[in-house]
Amino acid sequence: MVQIPVYAFTGFLDSGKTKFIQETLEDPRFNAGERTLLLVFEEGEEEYDFSAYPHKNVFLEVVDQQTVTAKQLSQLVKKHKAERVVAELNGMQLVGDLYMRFPEDWVVAQEVMFADSTTIMAFNANMRNLVMDKLTGAQMVVYNRLQPGADTTELHKLSRAANRRIDILYDYLDGTTAFDDVVDPLPFDVNAPVIEIKDEDYALWYRDVNEEVQKYHGKTVLFKAQVALLRRDKNNMFAPGRFVMTCCVDDIEFCGVPCRYEGAKNLTTRSWVMVEAKISAEKHALYKGELGPVLTAVSVTPCAQAEQEVATF
């Protein structure tokens, strides 16, 4: 199966997506003549200038992001004999909902979010689920329309709360740009003999151990969690974890780590326990064939519940 790479650009209306895509397609290093399907899921004030492109193999299609189907998208690729897709997404729709309707041979090669620095914090206050949806999946976020010398602390915190690996680029009104170079230390010592996770840091640890499991391989961790029993291996495994909220009450989910423990069958679901365990990078059904953290319990003891039952970032 020949894969179709997709370059996705997200962000809210008037955030600079169209301008960036226009400039990208004008660049012969990106547009060397590949047949490109330009999908626009949101029409803004700016229009594309096809006369500025070094090659004429760019084909524009305006599509409804809410209703488009995989079949329709495949037909558009076939219609234009496209070798790749450049997509300008609708900022008021969830990115993941669209990706689930992509044809099987479409692969997201890159996702970049654009944000107007003068309005993004207001969007975050009123539509946080949409902001976090875009930040979570993007490889890079571009904050534009910044005054030179502006304080970028809040933009940095917003980005890192959603995605610790995202590249952050600041685009200033004087034409200069700068990458964010702030290093965020983890609130726990990964090199300690026992990595102690405070109740308020569980969400950060859970995300980090899943993103960089090899960093934790062979180490010991101590944390407070609720008991979740597994359907398989219920006699000698359970999944200690916490309910975690990424952005709002609608996205609260239980985030647990499979743990070997001979006394698992005697545990009560949703009870609180203090877990000390060794971490290993292994394949498990929960990780769908990929390596992920698997614990081997050193001790599991009953304890009082965390002061904040739902963990946050």
Foldseek 3Di string as FASTA:
>chain_A
DAAAEEAEEEEEAPLCPQVVVLVQQLDCVNPVPAQEEEEEQDDHPDDHDQVSGPYNNYHYDYDHQVDDAQVNVVVSCVVSVGRYYYYYHHLVDQPVVSVVRHHPRYDHPFYEYGGAQVCVVVCCVVPVVSVLSRLQPHQEYEHEAAAPPDDCVVVVVSNCLRPVRHWYKYQYPVGDIDTDDDDDDQPWDLPDQEIEADPQRQVVVLVVCFVCVVSQAFHKYKDKFFWAADPPPRQFKTWGFAFEDSRDPVPTDTRTAIEGHNRNNVDDGRFMKIWIWRWHFDDDVVVVGGTGIYTYTPDIGGDDADPDRYHGD
